Amino acid sequence: MEPTTGAPVDAVPSRVPVRQQSRRHRDRRLPGDTPPDDDSAFWAPIEEVHWDGTPVREDPSPERNRSFRWPGRRSPSRTAPPPDPLPGLAALVVLSLVVAFFAWVSAGPFWLAVGHARVGTVVIDDCTGGGLTQRCRGMFTAEDGRFIAHGVKVSGVPAGGDAAGTSLTARMTGPDSGTAYADAGVGRHLRWLPGLLVVLGCTAGIVRWTGSARLPGRRHRRWAVAAAIAGPVLITVGFLAAAW
């Protein structure tokens, strides 16, 4: 059997003439012209031509390896897969609770630092513990005599001023504050600045761990990041309004 056509070897010629002219060239031949004889025709092996005499075309070269990249050429961008919602939800709940705590403890000192306070005198009733674990309570009397607050917490009691009956200059945001701050100077700023910095860090953590910045589409990312930032901001504003 012949390997190219599958026909018997005796039935297939070993050579065939190669077509030298196309059909368009044949149509342009004048009526008086005679076709070329077989001696002038080029004969090629049967393996190199088709059944009608046209040469076999070479196979196209294989495609280049697509994994190879020229230096400086950027690969097509791929859409990042959507983040898993469970870790993001857990991070959102935990960080929101942390934001609520630090916003609550920083709201009162923030208003005192910016000047929204009632100056007065606090009389120490009793103190327990010492250092960072010291807890004192007393009676606060506003300087203008507008209100008197009993049993308020006293923060920032100096050393030696924790004896019962000691009078200290203190500040309160209002009669419903519940805490009188006896510290002054740089100490009053250290009571609200670290807390609000923690709030900002938790806000960045919510944006990061909820995957808001990795959503496909610029518009969706903007809305998701805005919603992630709006949550801690609203919590902080709520506690600031309550401490006013």
Protein backbone atom coordinates (compact mmCIF):
# COMPACT_ATOMS: atom_id res chain seq x y z
CA MET A 1 0.00 0.00 0.00
CA GLU A 2 1.15 3.51 -0.80
CA PRO A 3 1.52 5.47 2.54
CA THR A 4 0.27 8.81 1.21
CA THR A 5 -2.93 7.87 -0.63
CA GLY A 6 -3.54 4.40 0.72
CA ALA A 7 -3.82 2.98 -2.79
CA PRO A 8 -1.93 -0.04 -4.14
CA VAL A 9 1.63 0.76 -5.13
CA ASP A 10 1.12 -0.45 -8.72
CA ALA A 11 -1.92 1.83 -9.21
CA VAL A 12 -0.25 5.11 -8.17
CA PRO A 13 2.46 6.73 -10.28
CA SER A 14 5.70 7.56 -8.61
CA ARG A 15 5.70 11.10 -10.01
CA VAL A 16 3.08 13.62 -11.07
CA PRO A 17 3.45 16.95 -12.85
CA VAL A 18 3.30 20.04 -10.68
CA ARG A 19 0.77 22.67 -11.64
CA GLN A 20 2.75 25.67 -12.80
CA GLN A 21 -0.12 27.91 -13.87
CA SER A 22 -3.27 28.89 -12.09
CA ARG A 23 -6.75 28.84 -13.59
CA ARG A 24 -6.59 32.58 -14.19
CA HIS A 25 -3.47 32.18 -16.27
CA ARG A 26 -5.11 29.40 -18.27
CA ASP A 27 -8.11 31.58 -18.98
CA ARG A 28 -5.82 34.27 -20.41
CA ARG A 29 -4.25 31.83 -22.88
CA LEU A 30 -4.97 32.72 -26.49
CA PRO A 31 -6.96 30.31 -28.66
CA GLY A 32 -4.04 29.66 -30.95
CA ASP A 33 -1.57 28.79 -28.16
CA THR A 34 -0.67 25.20 -27.61
CA PRO A 35 -0.25 23.76 -24.15
CA PRO A 36 3.25 22.82 -23.11
CA ASP A 37 4.24 19.25 -23.74
CA ASP A 38 4.95 16.81 -20.95
CA ASP A 39 8.70 17.11 -21.37
CA SER A 40 8.68 20.77 -20.31
CA ALA A 41 6.55 20.02 -17.21
CA PHE A 42 8.24 19.62 -13.85
CA TRP A 43 7.59 16.22 -12.29
CA ALA A 44 7.69 15.95 -8.48
CA PRO A 45 7.46 12.87 -6.26
CA ILE A 46 3.96 11.81 -5.28
CA GLU A 47 4.75 12.51 -1.59
CA GLU A 48 5.28 16.24 -2.31
CA VAL A 49 2.07 16.98 -4.26
CA HIS A 50 -1.67 16.48 -3.98
CA TRP A 51 -3.76 14.34 -6.33
CA ASP A 52 -4.30 17.30 -8.66
CA GLY A 53 -0.62 18.23 -8.87
CA THR A 54 -0.57 21.19 -6.43
CA PRO A 55 2.45 21.17 -4.10
CA VAL A 56 1.93 20.17 -0.52
CA ARG A 57 2.20 23.19 1.74
CA GLU A 58 4.46 23.04 4.72
CA ASP A 59 2.81 22.85 8.10
CA PRO A 60 2.65 26.20 9.86
CA SER A 61 5.23 26.68 12.51
CA PRO A 62 3.93 25.95 16.00
CA GLU A 63 2.84 28.90 18.06
CA ARG A 64 5.34 30.39 20.34
CA ASN A 65 5.23 29.50 23.94
CA ARG A 66 2.72 31.88 25.41
CA SER A 67 4.31 31.61 28.82
CA PHE A 68 7.34 33.48 27.49
CA ARG A 69 7.01 37.24 27.92
CA TRP A 70 9.25 39.87 26.44
CA PRO A 71 10.87 42.18 29.00
CA GLY A 72 8.76 45.23 29.65
CA ARG A 73 5.57 43.71 28.22
CA ARG A 74 2.74 43.55 30.73
CA SER A 75 0.69 40.43 31.02
CA PRO A 76 -3.08 40.76 30.66
CA SER A 77 -4.73 41.70 33.92
CA ARG A 78 -6.73 39.06 35.65
CA THR A 79 -9.75 39.71 37.81
CA ALA A 80 -9.08 38.81 41.42
CA PRO A 81 -11.43 36.19 42.85
CA PRO A 82 -14.05 37.50 45.29
CA PRO A 83 -12.95 37.27 48.92
CA ASP A 84 -14.37 34.72 51.34
CA PRO A 85 -17.21 36.47 53.27
CA LEU A 86 -16.80 34.60 56.59
CA PRO A 87 -13.37 35.99 57.63
CA GLY A 88 -14.43 39.44 56.48
CA LEU A 89 -17.63 39.30 58.52
CA ALA A 90 -15.76 38.14 61.63
CA ALA A 91 -13.20 40.93 61.23
CA LEU A 92 -16.00 43.47 60.73
CA VAL A 93 -17.76 42.49 63.96
CA VAL A 94 -14.61 42.33 66.10
CA LEU A 95 -13.12 45.58 64.83
CA SER A 96 -16.45 47.38 65.15
CA LEU A 97 -16.60 46.41 68.84
CA VAL A 98 -13.05 47.68 69.34
CA VAL A 99 -13.99 50.93 67.60
CA ALA A 100 -17.03 51.34 69.85
CA PHE A 101 -14.97 50.85 73.02
CA PHE A 102 -12.20 53.30 72.16
CA ALA A 103 -14.63 55.86 70.77
CA TRP A 104 -16.57 55.68 74.04
CA VAL A 105 -13.53 56.19 76.29
CA SER A 106 -12.10 58.95 74.07
CA ALA A 107 -15.22 61.04 73.52
CA GLY A 108 -15.22 62.85 76.89
CA PRO A 109 -11.48 63.67 76.95
CA PHE A 110 -11.73 64.91 73.36
CA TRP A 111 -14.34 67.51 74.25
CA LEU A 112 -12.30 68.58 77.28
CA ALA A 113 -9.19 69.00 75.11
CA VAL A 114 -10.99 71.21 72.59
CA GLY A 115 -12.43 73.45 75.32
CA HIS A 116 -15.96 72.11 75.78
CA ALA A 117 -15.90 71.64 79.56
CA ARG A 118 -17.25 72.92 82.85
CA VAL A 119 -14.52 73.93 85.28
CA GLY A 120 -15.14 73.24 88.97
CA THR A 121 -13.91 71.58 92.12
CA VAL A 122 -14.09 67.91 93.00
CA VAL A 123 -13.88 66.64 96.56
CA ILE A 124 -12.43 63.12 96.86
CA ASP A 125 -14.66 60.72 98.79
CA ASP A 126 -12.59 57.52 98.53
CA CYS A 127 -9.91 55.90 96.38
CA THR A 128 -8.98 52.25 95.87
CA GLY A 129 -5.94 50.69 94.23
CA GLY A 130 -2.92 52.54 92.94
CA GLY A 131 -1.23 53.52 89.71
CA LEU A 132 -3.14 52.52 86.62
CA THR A 133 -5.63 50.53 88.69
CA GLN A 134 -6.54 53.46 90.93
CA ARG A 135 -10.27 54.19 91.18
CA CYS A 136 -11.49 57.36 92.87
CA ARG A 137 -14.93 58.86 93.39
CA GLY A 138 -15.99 62.25 94.64
CA MET A 139 -18.44 65.17 94.41
CA PHE A 140 -18.04 67.74 91.67
CA THR A 141 -19.28 71.32 92.01
CA ALA A 142 -19.29 73.55 88.96
CA GLU A 143 -17.47 76.86 89.30
CA ASP A 144 -20.49 78.86 88.24
CA GLY A 145 -22.73 76.86 90.58
CA ARG A 146 -24.96 75.51 87.78
CA PHE A 147 -24.85 71.90 88.92
CA ILE A 148 -23.46 69.53 91.50
CA ALA A 149 -22.63 65.91 90.58
CA HIS A 150 -22.38 63.28 93.31
CA GLY A 151 -20.46 60.03 93.12
CA VAL A 152 -18.62 60.86 89.89
CA LYS A 153 -15.47 59.07 88.83
CA VAL A 154 -12.33 61.15 89.28
CA SER A 155 -9.62 60.63 86.68
CA GLY A 156 -6.07 61.96 86.78
CA VAL A 157 -5.72 62.21 90.56
CA PRO A 158 -2.12 63.28 91.32
CA ALA A 159 0.10 61.45 93.79
CA GLY A 160 -0.78 62.37 97.35
CA GLY A 161 -4.17 63.75 96.38
CA ASP A 162 -6.16 60.55 96.92
CA ALA A 163 -6.95 61.17 100.57
CA ALA A 164 -10.59 61.56 101.47
CA GLY A 165 -11.70 65.20 101.61
CA THR A 166 -8.99 66.47 99.23
CA SER A 167 -10.22 69.20 96.86
CA LEU A 168 -8.91 69.24 93.29
CA THR A 169 -9.57 71.42 90.29
CA ALA A 170 -11.33 69.32 87.67
CA ARG A 171 -13.40 69.54 84.51
CA MET A 172 -16.57 67.85 83.31
CA THR A 173 -18.36 68.03 79.96
CA GLY A 174 -21.73 68.31 81.71
CA PRO A 175 -23.85 67.07 84.62
CA ASP A 176 -24.53 63.76 82.84
CA SER A 177 -20.88 63.00 82.06
CA GLY A 178 -20.20 60.87 85.13
CA THR A 179 -16.43 61.51 85.06
CA ALA A 180 -14.42 64.46 86.36
CA TYR A 181 -10.93 64.91 84.96
CA ALA A 182 -8.37 66.39 87.36
CA ASP A 183 -5.36 66.25 85.03
CA ALA A 184 -4.14 69.23 82.98
CA GLY A 185 -1.54 70.05 80.35
CA VAL A 186 -0.34 67.35 77.96
CA GLY A 187 -1.97 64.62 80.06
CA ARG A 188 -5.48 65.55 78.94
CA HIS A 189 -4.50 65.09 75.28
CA LEU A 190 -3.07 61.65 75.95
CA ARG A 191 -6.51 60.46 77.04
CA TRP A 192 -8.19 60.88 73.68
CA LEU A 193 -5.42 60.86 71.01
CA PRO A 194 -4.35 57.18 71.36
CA GLY A 195 -7.97 56.06 71.37
CA LEU A 196 -8.82 57.86 68.15
CA LEU A 197 -5.64 56.51 66.55
CA VAL A 198 -6.82 53.02 67.41
CA VAL A 199 -10.16 53.88 65.76
CA LEU A 200 -8.33 54.90 62.58
CA GLY A 201 -6.31 51.69 62.65
CA CYS A 202 -9.45 49.60 63.05
CA THR A 203 -11.02 51.46 60.13
CA ALA A 204 -8.07 50.56 57.91
CA GLY A 205 -8.31 46.97 59.15
CA ILE A 206 -11.99 46.78 58.20
CA VAL A 207 -11.20 48.00 54.69
CA ARG A 208 -8.34 45.51 54.41
CA TRP A 209 -9.82 42.33 55.89
CA THR A 210 -13.33 42.67 54.48
CA GLY A 211 -11.89 42.79 50.95
CA SER A 212 -13.53 46.09 50.10
CA ALA A 213 -10.49 47.27 48.17
CA ARG A 214 -10.27 44.03 46.14
CA LEU A 215 -13.74 43.97 44.61
CA PRO A 216 -13.88 43.93 40.79
CA GLY A 217 -14.92 47.20 39.22
CA ARG A 218 -13.80 50.66 40.28
CA ARG A 219 -17.31 51.80 41.17
CA HIS A 220 -17.98 48.79 43.39
CA ARG A 221 -14.66 49.27 45.16
CA ARG A 222 -15.42 52.91 45.88
CA TRP A 223 -18.82 52.13 47.37
CA ALA A 224 -17.44 49.24 49.42
CA VAL A 225 -14.54 51.29 50.81
CA ALA A 226 -16.88 54.20 51.58
CA ALA A 227 -19.23 51.88 53.47
CA ALA A 228 -16.33 50.33 55.40
CA ILE A 229 -15.11 53.77 56.48
CA ALA A 230 -18.60 55.10 57.23
CA GLY A 231 -19.25 52.46 59.91
CA PRO A 232 -16.47 53.48 62.36
CA VAL A 233 -17.06 57.15 61.59
CA LEU A 234 -20.75 56.92 62.51
CA ILE A 235 -19.92 55.00 65.72
CA THR A 236 -17.39 57.65 66.77
CA VAL A 237 -19.70 60.52 65.91
CA GLY A 238 -22.47 58.86 67.91
CA PHE A 239 -20.34 58.63 71.06
CA LEU A 240 -19.09 62.18 70.60
CA ALA A 241 -22.67 63.40 70.40
CA ALA A 242 -23.60 61.41 73.51
CA ALA A 243 -20.64 62.87 75.45
CA TRP A 244 -21.48 66.45 74.51
